[in-house]
PDB file of N, CA and C in Angstrom:
ATOM      1  N   MET A   1     -70.549 -59.381  73.404  1.00  0.00           N
ATOM      2  CA  MET A   1     -70.827 -59.436  74.825  1.00  0.00           C
ATOM      3  C   MET A   1     -70.000 -60.567  75.430  1.00  0.00           C
ATOM      4  N   ARG A   2     -69.413 -60.246  76.569  1.00  0.00           N
ATOM      5  CA  ARG A   2     -68.572 -61.226  77.255  1.00  0.00           C
ATOM      6  C   ARG A   2     -68.854 -61.136  78.746  1.00  0.00           C
ATOM      7  N   VAL A   3     -68.839 -62.265  79.430  1.00  0.00           N
ATOM      8  CA  VAL A   3     -69.012 -62.307  80.883  1.00  0.00           C
ATOM      9  C   VAL A   3     -67.717 -62.821  81.498  1.00  0.00           C
ATOM     10  N   LEU A   4     -67.163 -62.024  82.411  1.00  0.00           N
ATOM     11  CA  LEU A   4     -65.971 -62.422  83.161  1.00  0.00           C
ATOM     12  C   LEU A   4     -66.365 -62.558  84.625  1.00  0.00           C
ATOM     13  N   ILE A   5     -65.779 -63.520  85.296  1.00  0.00           N
ATOM     14  CA  ILE A   5     -66.086 -63.772  86.704  1.00  0.00           C
ATOM     15  C   ILE A   5     -64.795 -63.655  87.499  1.00  0.00           C
ATOM     16  N   LEU A   6     -64.812 -62.794  88.514  1.00  0.00           N
ATOM     17  CA  LEU A   6     -63.615 -62.616  89.345  1.00  0.00           C
ATOM     18  C   LEU A   6     -63.191 -63.936  89.979  1.00  0.00           C
ATOM     19  N   PRO A   7     -61.898 -64.117  90.218  1.00  0.00           N
ATOM     20  CA  PRO A   7     -61.410 -65.362  90.827  1.00  0.00           C
ATOM     21  C   PRO A   7     -62.072 -65.678  92.171  1.00  0.00           C
ATOM     22  N   GLU A   8     -62.338 -64.667  92.992  1.00  0.00           N
ATOM     23  CA  GLU A   8     -62.974 -64.949  94.284  1.00  0.00           C
ATOM     24  C   GLU A   8     -64.414 -65.440  94.119  1.00  0.00           C
ATOM     25  N   VAL A   9     -65.087 -65.013  93.065  1.00  0.00           N
ATOM     26  CA  VAL A   9     -66.436 -65.517  92.788  1.00  0.00           C
ATOM     27  C   VAL A   9     -66.335 -66.947  92.261  1.00  0.00           C
ATOM     28  N   GLN A  10     -65.350 -67.207  91.419  1.00  0.00           N
ATOM     29  CA  GLN A  10     -65.130 -68.575  90.938  1.00  0.00           C
ATOM     30  C   GLN A  10     -64.837 -69.514  92.108  1.00  0.00           C
ATOM     31  N   GLN A  11     -64.049 -69.039  93.067  1.00  0.00           N
ATOM     32  CA  GLN A  11     -63.749 -69.836  94.259  1.00  0.00           C
ATOM     33  C   GLN A  11     -65.025 -70.114  95.047  1.00  0.00           C
ATOM     34  N   TYR A  12     -65.890 -69.111  95.146  1.00  0.00           N
ATOM     35  CA  TYR A  12     -67.165 -69.289  95.848  1.00  0.00           C
ATOM     36  C   TYR A  12     -67.994 -70.374  95.166  1.00  0.00           C
ATOM     37  N   PHE A  13     -68.062 -70.350  93.845  1.00  0.00           N
ATOM     38  CA  PHE A  13     -68.805 -71.386  93.119  1.00  0.00           C
ATOM     39  C   PHE A  13     -68.233 -72.771  93.421  1.00  0.00           C
ATOM     40  N   TYR A  14     -66.916 -72.867  93.443  1.00  0.00           N
ATOM     41  CA  TYR A  14     -66.263 -74.141  93.731  1.00  0.00           C
ATOM     42  C   TYR A  14     -66.659 -74.638  95.126  1.00  0.00           C
ATOM     43  N   GLU A  15     -66.599 -73.742  96.107  1.00  0.00           N
ATOM     44  CA  GLU A  15     -66.958 -74.118  97.476  1.00  0.00           C
ATOM     45  C   GLU A  15     -68.454 -74.390  97.612  1.00  0.00           C
ATOM     46  N   LEU A  16     -69.257 -73.667  96.841  1.00  0.00           N
ATOM     47  CA  LEU A  16     -70.713 -73.809  96.931  1.00  0.00           C
ATOM     48  C   LEU A  16     -71.170 -75.229  96.640  1.00  0.00           C
ATOM     49  N   GLN A  17     -70.562 -75.879  95.684  1.00  0.00           N
ATOM     50  CA  GLN A  17     -70.998 -77.242  95.354  1.00  0.00           C
ATOM     51  C   GLN A  17     -70.809 -78.183  96.546  1.00  0.00           C
ATOM     52  N   TYR A  18     -69.765 -77.966  97.336  1.00  0.00           N
ATOM     53  CA  TYR A  18     -69.531 -78.800  98.523  1.00  0.00           C
ATOM     54  C   TYR A  18     -70.434 -78.380  99.681  1.00  0.00           C
ATOM     55  N   ILE A  19     -70.667 -77.096  99.820  1.00  0.00           N
ATOM     56  CA  ILE A  19     -71.564 -76.604 100.874  1.00  0.00           C
ATOM     57  C   ILE A  19     -72.965 -77.159 100.675  1.00  0.00           C
ATOM     58  N   LEU A  20     -73.460 -77.083  99.444  1.00  0.00           N
ATOM     59  CA  LEU A  20     -74.814 -77.575  99.165  1.00  0.00           C
ATOM     60  C   LEU A  20     -74.936 -79.077  99.427  1.00  0.00           C
ATOM     61  N   TYR A  21     -73.883 -79.812  99.124  1.00  0.00           N
ATOM     62  CA  TYR A  21     -73.882 -81.248  99.377  1.00  0.00           C
ATOM     63  C   TYR A  21     -73.786 -81.541 100.873  1.00  0.00           C
ATOM     64  N   GLU A  22     -72.868 -80.882 101.563  1.00  0.00           N
ATOM     65  CA  GLU A  22     -72.665 -81.138 102.989  1.00  0.00           C
ATOM     66  C   GLU A  22     -73.874 -80.733 103.830  1.00  0.00           C
ATOM     67  N   LYS A  23     -74.578 -79.695 103.417  1.00  0.00           N
ATOM     68  CA  LYS A  23     -75.771 -79.267 104.149  1.00  0.00           C
ATOM     69  C   LYS A  23     -77.017 -80.023 103.699  1.00  0.00           C
ATOM     70  N   GLU A  24     -76.785 -81.009 102.837  1.00  0.00           N
ATOM     71  CA  GLU A  24     -77.821 -81.935 102.373  1.00  0.00           C
ATOM     72  C   GLU A  24     -78.941 -81.275 101.576  1.00  0.00           C
ATOM     73  N   TYR A  25     -78.589 -80.200 100.848  1.00  0.00           N
ATOM     74  CA  TYR A  25     -79.545 -79.659  99.885  1.00  0.00           C
ATOM     75  C   TYR A  25     -79.638 -80.594  98.693  1.00  0.00           C
ATOM     76  N   PHE A  26     -78.542 -81.327  98.451  1.00  0.00           N
ATOM     77  CA  PHE A  26     -78.496 -82.344  97.414  1.00  0.00           C
ATOM     78  C   PHE A  26     -77.937 -83.623  98.018  1.00  0.00           C
ATOM     79  N   CYS A  27     -78.484 -84.755  97.590  1.00  0.00           N
ATOM     80  CA  CYS A  27     -78.065 -86.046  98.146  1.00  0.00           C
ATOM     81  C   CYS A  27     -76.749 -86.541  97.561  1.00  0.00           C
ATOM     82  N   PHE A  28     -76.408 -86.061  96.379  1.00  0.00           N
ATOM     83  CA  PHE A  28     -75.202 -86.522  95.706  1.00  0.00           C
ATOM     84  C   PHE A  28     -74.357 -85.321  95.298  1.00  0.00           C
ATOM     85  N   LEU A  29     -73.051 -85.485  95.407  1.00  0.00           N
ATOM     86  CA  LEU A  29     -72.144 -84.408  95.052  1.00  0.00           C
ATOM     87  C   LEU A  29     -72.267 -84.041  93.578  1.00  0.00           C
ATOM     88  N   ASP A  30     -72.440 -85.032  92.712  1.00  0.00           N
ATOM     89  CA  ASP A  30     -72.543 -84.712  91.288  1.00  0.00           C
ATOM     90  C   ASP A  30     -73.799 -83.886  90.980  1.00  0.00           C
ATOM     91  N   THR A  31     -74.864 -84.077  91.742  1.00  0.00           N
ATOM     92  CA  THR A  31     -76.077 -83.272  91.568  1.00  0.00           C
ATOM     93  C   THR A  31     -75.815 -81.828  91.998  1.00  0.00           C
ATOM     94  N   SER A  32     -75.094 -81.671  93.073  1.00  0.00           N
ATOM     95  CA  SER A  32     -74.716 -80.344  93.549  1.00  0.00           C
ATOM     96  C   SER A  32     -73.807 -79.650  92.531  1.00  0.00           C
ATOM     97  N   GLU A  33     -72.859 -80.383  91.981  1.00  0.00           N
ATOM     98  CA  GLU A  33     -71.968 -79.828  90.959  1.00  0.00           C
ATOM     99  C   GLU A  33     -72.765 -79.390  89.731  1.00  0.00           C
ATOM    100  N   LYS A  34     -73.731 -80.195  89.334  1.00  0.00           N
ATOM    101  CA  LYS A  34     -74.560 -79.851  88.171  1.00  0.00           C
ATOM    102  C   LYS A  34     -75.351 -78.579  88.439  1.00  0.00           C
ATOM    103  N   TYR A  35     -75.903 -78.434  89.631  1.00  0.00           N
ATOM    104  CA  TYR A  35     -76.662 -77.232  90.001  1.00  0.00           C
ATOM    105  C   TYR A  35     -75.771 -75.995  89.858  1.00  0.00           C
ATOM    106  N   VAL A  36     -74.574 -76.056  90.400  1.00  0.00           N
ATOM    107  CA  VAL A  36     -73.652 -74.921  90.344  1.00  0.00           C
ATOM    108  C   VAL A  36     -73.230 -74.648  88.901  1.00  0.00           C
ATOM    109  N   ASN A  37     -72.913 -75.685  88.153  1.00  0.00           N
ATOM    110  CA  ASN A  37     -72.522 -75.499  86.753  1.00  0.00           C
ATOM    111  C   ASN A  37     -73.661 -74.914  85.924  1.00  0.00           C
ATOM    112  N   ASP A  38     -74.891 -75.357  86.185  1.00  0.00           N
ATOM    113  CA  ASP A  38     -76.052 -74.802  85.482  1.00  0.00           C
ATOM    114  C   ASP A  38     -76.242 -73.323  85.827  1.00  0.00           C
ATOM    115  N   LEU A  39     -76.012 -72.970  87.079  1.00  0.00           N
ATOM    116  CA  LEU A  39     -76.110 -71.574  87.500  1.00  0.00           C
ATOM    117  C   LEU A  39     -75.064 -70.736  86.760  1.00  0.00           C
ATOM    118  N   ILE A  40     -73.839 -71.207  86.706  1.00  0.00           N
ATOM    119  CA  ILE A  40     -72.775 -70.490  85.996  1.00  0.00           C
ATOM    120  C   ILE A  40     -73.126 -70.350  84.512  1.00  0.00           C
ATOM    121  N   ASP A  41     -73.578 -71.435  83.905  1.00  0.00           N
ATOM    122  CA  ASP A  41     -73.949 -71.398  82.484  1.00  0.00           C
ATOM    123  C   ASP A  41     -75.073 -70.392  82.236  1.00  0.00           C
ATOM    124  N   ASP A  42     -76.058 -70.366  83.123  1.00  0.00           N
ATOM    125  CA  ASP A  42     -77.181 -69.435  83.004  1.00  0.00           C
ATOM    126  C   ASP A  42     -76.683 -67.996  83.084  1.00  0.00           C
ATOM    127  N   ILE A  43     -75.804 -67.726  84.017  1.00  0.00           N
ATOM    128  CA  ILE A  43     -75.243 -66.379  84.168  1.00  0.00           C
ATOM    129  C   ILE A  43     -74.479 -65.980  82.912  1.00  0.00           C
ATOM    130  N   GLU A  44     -73.613 -66.852  82.440  1.00  0.00           N
ATOM    131  CA  GLU A  44     -72.801 -66.529  81.268  1.00  0.00           C
ATOM    132  C   GLU A  44     -73.641 -66.335  80.013  1.00  0.00           C
ATOM    133  N   ALA A  45     -74.711 -67.107  79.871  1.00  0.00           N
ATOM    134  CA  ALA A  45     -75.534 -67.030  78.668  1.00  0.00           C
ATOM    135  C   ALA A  45     -76.578 -65.919  78.722  1.00  0.00           C
ATOM    136  N   ASN A  46     -77.041 -65.573  79.924  1.00  0.00           N
ATOM    137  CA  ASN A  46     -78.215 -64.707  80.006  1.00  0.00           C
ATOM    138  C   ASN A  46     -78.068 -63.424  80.807  1.00  0.00           C
ATOM    139  N   LEU A  47     -76.917 -63.176  81.391  1.00  0.00           N
ATOM    140  CA  LEU A  47     -76.772 -61.970  82.210  1.00  0.00           C
ATOM    141  C   LEU A  47     -77.127 -60.713  81.416  1.00  0.00           C
ATOM    142  N   HIS A  48     -76.710 -60.658  80.182  1.00  0.00           N
ATOM    143  CA  HIS A  48     -76.963 -59.463  79.375  1.00  0.00           C
ATOM    144  C   HIS A  48     -78.444 -59.251  79.062  1.00  0.00           C
ATOM    145  N   THR A  49     -79.266 -60.280  79.187  1.00  0.00           N
ATOM    146  CA  THR A  49     -80.698 -60.146  78.870  1.00  0.00           C
ATOM    147  C   THR A  49     -81.556 -59.906  80.108  1.00  0.00           C
ATOM    148  N   ARG A  50     -80.991 -60.092  81.282  1.00  0.00           N
ATOM    149  CA  ARG A  50     -81.767 -59.953  82.518  1.00  0.00           C
ATOM    150  C   ARG A  50     -81.983 -58.495  82.878  1.00  0.00           C
ATOM    151  N   LEU A  51     -83.159 -58.244  83.428  1.00  0.00           N
ATOM    152  CA  LEU A  51     -83.444 -56.929  83.987  1.00  0.00           C
ATOM    153  C   LEU A  51     -82.439 -56.692  85.103  1.00  0.00           C
ATOM    154  N   HIS A  52     -81.806 -55.539  85.097  1.00  0.00           N
ATOM    155  CA  HIS A  52     -80.848 -55.264  86.161  1.00  0.00           C
ATOM    156  C   HIS A  52     -81.162 -53.908  86.794  1.00  0.00           C
ATOM    157  N   LYS A  53     -80.783 -53.819  88.050  1.00  0.00           N
ATOM    158  CA  LYS A  53     -81.033 -52.624  88.850  1.00  0.00           C
ATOM    159  C   LYS A  53     -79.720 -52.174  89.474  1.00  0.00           C
ATOM    160  N   PRO A  54     -79.649 -50.892  89.853  1.00  0.00           N
ATOM    161  CA  PRO A  54     -78.460 -50.436  90.583  1.00  0.00           C
ATOM    162  C   PRO A  54     -78.358 -51.164  91.925  1.00  0.00           C
ATOM    163  N   ALA A  55     -77.161 -51.591  92.272  1.00  0.00           N
ATOM    164  CA  ALA A  55     -76.956 -52.290  93.544  1.00  0.00           C
ATOM    165  C   ALA A  55     -77.058 -51.293  94.695  1.00  0.00           C
ATOM    166  N   PRO A  56     -77.708 -51.678  95.794  1.00  0.00           N
ATOM    167  CA  PRO A  56     -77.762 -50.806  96.973  1.00  0.00           C
ATOM    168  C   PRO A  56     -76.361 -50.499  97.507  1.00  0.00           C
ATOM    169  N   LEU A  57     -76.258 -49.408  98.242  1.00  0.00           N
ATOM    170  CA  LEU A  57     -74.972 -48.958  98.781  1.00  0.00           C
ATOM    171  C   LEU A  57     -74.258 -50.034  99.590  1.00  0.00           C
ATOM    172  N   TYR A  58     -75.009 -50.900 100.243  1.00  0.00           N
ATOM    173  CA  TYR A  58     -74.407 -51.980 101.043  1.00  0.00           C
ATOM    174  C   TYR A  58     -73.377 -52.771 100.232  1.00  0.00           C
ATOM    175  N   PHE A  59     -73.606 -52.923  98.945  1.00  0.00           N
ATOM    176  CA  PHE A  59     -72.760 -53.775  98.107  1.00  0.00           C
ATOM    177  C   PHE A  59     -71.573 -53.035  97.494  1.00  0.00           C
ATOM    178  N   GLU A  60     -71.393 -51.770  97.838  1.00  0.00           N
ATOM    179  CA  GLU A  60     -70.244 -51.012  97.334  1.00  0.00           C
ATOM    180  C   GLU A  60     -68.915 -51.601  97.800  1.00  0.00           C
ATOM    181  N   LYS A  61     -68.953 -52.413  98.843  1.00  0.00           N
ATOM    182  CA  LYS A  61     -67.709 -53.037  99.301  1.00  0.00           C
ATOM    183  C   LYS A  61     -67.155 -54.022  98.266  1.00  0.00           C
ATOM    184  N   TYR A  62     -67.986 -54.412  97.300  1.00  0.00           N
ATOM    185  CA  TYR A  62     -67.549 -55.317  96.247  1.00  0.00           C
ATOM    186  C   TYR A  62     -67.169 -54.582  94.960  1.00  0.00           C
ATOM    187  N   GLY A  63     -67.527 -53.304  94.878  1.00  0.00           N
ATOM    188  CA  GLY A  63     -67.228 -52.509  93.697  1.00  0.00           C
ATOM    189  C   GLY A  63     -68.138 -51.306  93.618  1.00  0.00           C
ATOM    190  N   ASN A  64     -67.740 -50.345  92.827  1.00  0.00           N
ATOM    191  CA  ASN A  64     -68.515 -49.114  92.692  1.00  0.00           C
ATOM    192  C   ASN A  64     -69.438 -49.162  91.486  1.00  0.00           C
ATOM    193  N   ASN A  65     -70.569 -48.495  91.621  1.00  0.00           N
ATOM    194  CA  ASN A  65     -71.525 -48.371  90.512  1.00  0.00           C
ATOM    195  C   ASN A  65     -71.951 -49.721  89.937  1.00  0.00           C
ATOM    196  N   MET A  66     -72.144 -50.677  90.823  1.00  0.00           N
ATOM    197  CA  MET A  66     -72.543 -52.005  90.359  1.00  0.00           C
ATOM    198  C   MET A  66     -74.044 -52.065  90.116  1.00  0.00           C
ATOM    199  N   LYS A  67     -74.401 -53.072  89.352  1.00  0.00           N
ATOM    200  CA  LYS A  67     -75.795 -53.414  89.104  1.00  0.00           C
ATOM    201  C   LYS A  67     -75.971 -54.851  89.578  1.00  0.00           C
ATOM    202  N   TYR A  68     -77.232 -55.274  89.668  1.00  0.00           N
ATOM    203  CA  TYR A  68     -77.466 -56.671  89.986  1.00  0.00           C
ATOM    204  C   TYR A  68     -78.630 -57.201  89.174  1.00  0.00           C
ATOM    205  N   ALA A  69     -78.618 -58.498  88.960  1.00  0.00           N
ATOM    206  CA  ALA A  69     -79.684 -59.201  88.242  1.00  0.00           C
ATOM    207  C   ALA A  69     -80.033 -60.458  89.024  1.00  0.00           C
ATOM    208  N   ALA A  70     -81.274 -60.877  88.899  1.00  0.00           N
ATOM    209  CA  ALA A  70     -81.764 -62.040  89.643  1.00  0.00           C
ATOM    210  C   ALA A  70     -81.868 -63.261  88.739  1.00  0.00           C
ATOM    211  N   PHE A  71     -81.510 -64.417  89.307  1.00  0.00           N
ATOM    212  CA  PHE A  71     -81.613 -65.705  88.625  1.00  0.00           C
ATOM    213  C   PHE A  71     -82.351 -66.667  89.555  1.00  0.00           C
ATOM    214  N   ARG A  72     -83.589 -66.963  89.249  1.00  0.00           N
ATOM    215  CA  ARG A  72     -84.377 -67.891  90.068  1.00  0.00           C
ATOM    216  C   ARG A  72     -84.007 -69.319  89.687  1.00  0.00           C
ATOM    217  N   LYS A  73     -83.589 -70.099  90.704  1.00  0.00           N
ATOM    218  CA  LYS A  73     -83.197 -71.479  90.443  1.00  0.00           C
ATOM    219  C   LYS A  73     -84.148 -72.498  91.063  1.00  0.00           C
ATOM    220  N   SER A  74     -85.029 -72.037  91.932  1.00  0.00           N
ATOM    221  CA  SER A  74     -86.061 -72.909  92.488  1.00  0.00           C
ATOM    222  C   SER A  74     -87.164 -72.006  93.028  1.00  0.00           C
ATOM    223  N   LYS A  75     -88.222 -72.617  93.525  1.00  0.00           N
ATOM    224  CA  LYS A  75     -89.316 -71.787  94.053  1.00  0.00           C
ATOM    225  C   LYS A  75     -88.886 -71.026  95.304  1.00  0.00           C
ATOM    226  N   ASN A  76     -87.822 -71.483  95.959  1.00  0.00           N
ATOM    227  CA  ASN A  76     -87.379 -70.843  97.187  1.00  0.00           C
ATOM    228  C   ASN A  76     -86.094 -70.040  97.062  1.00  0.00           C
ATOM    229  N   THR A  77     -85.345 -70.221  95.994  1.00  0.00           N
ATOM    230  CA  THR A  77     -84.013 -69.618  95.916  1.00  0.00           C
ATOM    231  C   THR A  77     -83.848 -68.759  94.677  1.00  0.00           C
ATOM    232  N   ILE A  78     -83.426 -67.533  94.923  1.00  0.00           N
ATOM    233  CA  ILE A  78     -83.065 -66.598  93.865  1.00  0.00           C
ATOM    234  C   ILE A  78     -81.614 -66.202  94.097  1.00  0.00           C
ATOM    235  N   TRP A  79     -80.812 -66.327  93.069  1.00  0.00           N
ATOM    236  CA  TRP A  79     -79.414 -65.900  93.129  1.00  0.00           C
ATOM    237  C   TRP A  79     -79.316 -64.496  92.565  1.00  0.00           C
ATOM    238  N   TYR A  80     -78.595 -63.641  93.267  1.00  0.00           N
ATOM    239  CA  TYR A  80     -78.380 -62.264  92.825  1.00  0.00           C
ATOM    240  C   TYR A  80     -76.926 -62.124  92.386  1.00  0.00           C
ATOM    241  N   VAL A  81     -76.756 -61.678  91.166  1.00  0.00           N
ATOM    242  CA  VAL A  81     -75.434 -61.528  90.567  1.00  0.00           C
ATOM    243  C   VAL A  81     -75.123 -60.032  90.502  1.00  0.00           C
ATOM    244  N   PHE A  82     -74.033 -59.639  91.146  1.00  0.00           N
ATOM    245  CA  PHE A  82     -73.620 -58.243  91.191  1.00  0.00           C
ATOM    246  C   PHE A  82     -72.460 -58.061  90.217  1.00  0.00           C
ATOM    247  N   PHE A  83     -72.582 -57.049  89.367  1.00  0.00           N
ATOM    248  CA  PHE A  83     -71.624 -56.899  88.290  1.00  0.00           C
ATOM    249  C   PHE A  83     -71.457 -55.439  87.899  1.00  0.00           C
ATOM    250  N   GLU A  84     -70.395 -55.185  87.169  1.00  0.00           N
ATOM    251  CA  GLU A  84     -70.210 -53.893  86.533  1.00  0.00           C
ATOM    252  C   GLU A  84     -70.015 -54.156  85.056  1.00  0.00           C
ATOM    253  N   THR A  85     -70.260 -53.150  84.263  1.00  0.00           N
ATOM    254  CA  THR A  85     -70.074 -53.286  82.821  1.00  0.00           C
ATOM    255  C   THR A  85     -69.056 -52.255  82.341  1.00  0.00           C
ATOM    256  N   TYR A  86     -68.345 -52.640  81.304  1.00  0.00           N
ATOM    257  CA  TYR A  86     -67.436 -51.711  80.648  1.00  0.00           C
ATOM    258  C   TYR A  86     -67.261 -52.156  79.200  1.00  0.00           C
ATOM    259  N   MET A  87     -66.693 -51.264  78.413  1.00  0.00           N
ATOM    260  CA  MET A  87     -66.456 -51.555  76.999  1.00  0.00           C
ATOM    261  C   MET A  87     -64.992 -51.946  76.809  1.00  0.00           C
ATOM    262  N   ASP A  88     -64.770 -52.956  75.983  1.00  0.00           N
ATOM    263  CA  ASP A  88     -63.423 -53.387  75.629  1.00  0.00           C
ATOM    264  C   ASP A  88     -63.394 -53.640  74.125  1.00  0.00           C
ATOM    265  N   ASP A  89     -62.729 -52.782  73.379  1.00  0.00           N
ATOM    266  CA  ASP A  89     -62.668 -52.878  71.913  1.00  0.00           C
ATOM    267  C   ASP A  89     -64.056 -52.986  71.283  1.00  0.00           C
ATOM    268  N   GLY A  90     -64.979 -52.155  71.762  1.00  0.00           N
ATOM    269  CA  GLY A  90     -66.325 -52.128  71.207  1.00  0.00           C
ATOM    270  C   GLY A  90     -67.241 -53.230  71.705  1.00  0.00           C
ATOM    271  N   GLU A  91     -66.764 -54.059  72.608  1.00  0.00           N
ATOM    272  CA  GLU A  91     -67.563 -55.160  73.141  1.00  0.00           C
ATOM    273  C   GLU A  91     -67.946 -54.850  74.592  1.00  0.00           C
ATOM    274  N   VAL A  92     -69.203 -55.115  74.934  1.00  0.00           N
ATOM    275  CA  VAL A  92     -69.647 -54.926  76.314  1.00  0.00           C
ATOM    276  C   VAL A  92     -69.163 -56.103  77.140  1.00  0.00           C
ATOM    277  N   VAL A  93     -68.514 -55.789  78.262  1.00  0.00           N
ATOM    278  CA  VAL A  93     -68.010 -56.823  79.168  1.00  0.00           C
ATOM    279  C   VAL A  93     -68.767 -56.702  80.486  1.00  0.00           C
ATOM    280  N   TYR A  94     -69.274 -57.816  80.962  1.00  0.00           N
ATOM    281  CA  TYR A  94     -69.942 -57.901  82.257  1.00  0.00           C
ATOM    282  C   TYR A  94     -68.961 -58.570  83.217  1.00  0.00           C
ATOM    283  N   LEU A  95     -68.560 -57.832  84.235  1.00  0.00           N
ATOM    284  CA  LEU A  95     -67.610 -58.354  85.217  1.00  0.00           C
ATOM    285  C   LEU A  95     -68.368 -58.702  86.497  1.00  0.00           C
ATOM    286  N   VAL A  96     -68.511 -59.985  86.775  1.00  0.00           N
ATOM    287  CA  VAL A  96     -69.222 -60.457  87.963  1.00  0.00           C
ATOM    288  C   VAL A  96     -68.290 -60.314  89.161  1.00  0.00           C
ATOM    289  N   ARG A  97     -68.734 -59.506  90.140  1.00  0.00           N
ATOM    290  CA  ARG A  97     -67.902 -59.205  91.299  1.00  0.00           C
ATOM    291  C   ARG A  97     -68.384 -59.889  92.578  1.00  0.00           C
ATOM    292  N   HIS A  98     -69.655 -60.322  92.591  1.00  0.00           N
ATOM    293  CA  HIS A  98     -70.204 -60.938  93.807  1.00  0.00           C
ATOM    294  C   HIS A  98     -71.472 -61.695  93.429  1.00  0.00           C
ATOM    295  N   ILE A  99     -71.775 -62.718  94.205  1.00  0.00           N
ATOM    296  CA  ILE A  99     -73.018 -63.466  94.028  1.00  0.00           C
ATOM    297  C   ILE A  99     -73.482 -63.933  95.400  1.00  0.00           C
ATOM    298  N   ALA A 100     -74.785 -63.900  95.600  1.00  0.00           N
ATOM    299  CA  ALA A 100     -75.373 -64.391  96.855  1.00  0.00           C
ATOM    300  C   ALA A 100     -76.834 -64.703  96.579  1.00  0.00           C
ATOM    301  N   ASN A 101     -77.445 -65.420  97.514  1.00  0.00           N
ATOM    302  CA  ASN A 101     -78.861 -65.753  97.298  1.00  0.00           C
ATOM    303  C   ASN A 101     -79.763 -65.020  98.275  1.00  0.00           C
ATOM    304  N   ASN A 102     -81.054 -65.139  98.033  1.00  0.00           N
ATOM    305  CA  ASN A 102     -82.044 -64.419  98.839  1.00  0.00           C
ATOM    306  C   ASN A 102     -82.030 -64.844 100.296  1.00  0.00           C
ATOM    307  N   HIS A 103     -81.564 -66.037 100.599  1.00  0.00           N
ATOM    308  CA  HIS A 103     -81.522 -66.501 101.993  1.00  0.00           C
ATOM    309  C   HIS A 103     -80.476 -65.738 102.798  1.00  0.00           C
ATOM    310  N   VAL A 104     -79.495 -65.161 102.105  1.00  0.00           N
ATOM    311  CA  VAL A 104     -78.387 -64.482 102.763  1.00  0.00           C
ATOM    312  C   VAL A 104     -78.519 -62.963 102.704  1.00  0.00           C
ATOM    313  N   ILE A 105     -78.982 -62.417 101.589  1.00  0.00           N
ATOM    314  CA  ILE A 105     -78.909 -60.960 101.422  1.00  0.00           C
ATOM    315  C   ILE A 105     -80.242 -60.265 101.203  1.00  0.00           C
ATOM    316  N   ALA A 106     -81.343 -60.956 101.302  1.00  0.00           N
ATOM    317  CA  ALA A 106     -82.639 -60.338 101.012  1.00  0.00           C
ATOM    318  C   ALA A 106     -82.875 -59.042 101.801  1.00  0.00           C
ATOM    319  N   GLN A 107     -82.418 -58.998 103.019  1.00  0.00           N
ATOM    320  CA  GLN A 107     -82.653 -57.814 103.858  1.00  0.00           C
ATOM    321  C   GLN A 107     -81.912 -56.589 103.335  1.00  0.00           C
ATOM    322  N   PHE A 108     -80.917 -56.756 102.477  1.00  0.00           N
ATOM    323  CA  PHE A 108     -80.152 -55.625 101.958  1.00  0.00           C
ATOM    324  C   PHE A 108     -80.665 -55.126 100.609  1.00  0.00           C
ATOM    325  N   LEU A 109     -81.582 -55.875 100.022  1.00  0.00           N
ATOM    326  CA  LEU A 109     -82.143 -55.455  98.734  1.00  0.00           C
ATOM    327  C   LEU A 109     -83.444 -54.743  99.002  1.00  0.00           C
TER     328      LEU A 109
END
């Protein structure tokens, strides 16, 4: 099992650490960086074990036949990871195509 993350999603993670700090969700930039890194680590380690559902049609703009899984990071925030799977030399590959949280996309789920 392997998890790959599209470059645009990686860019989002990079920007997210600064957004969270600038909007004062975290008092220190290093705390914000740790939050984002922990989220990435959780996705890479556990995406294959999470319950996943077919992504609603709204998310087809990010890819076809995608699924999504939820990652709760606090009592108020759930991150939704949108991905597709395919086989590569007998190995299942999870390709992360989009990520967003419940504050942004809850109405579409």
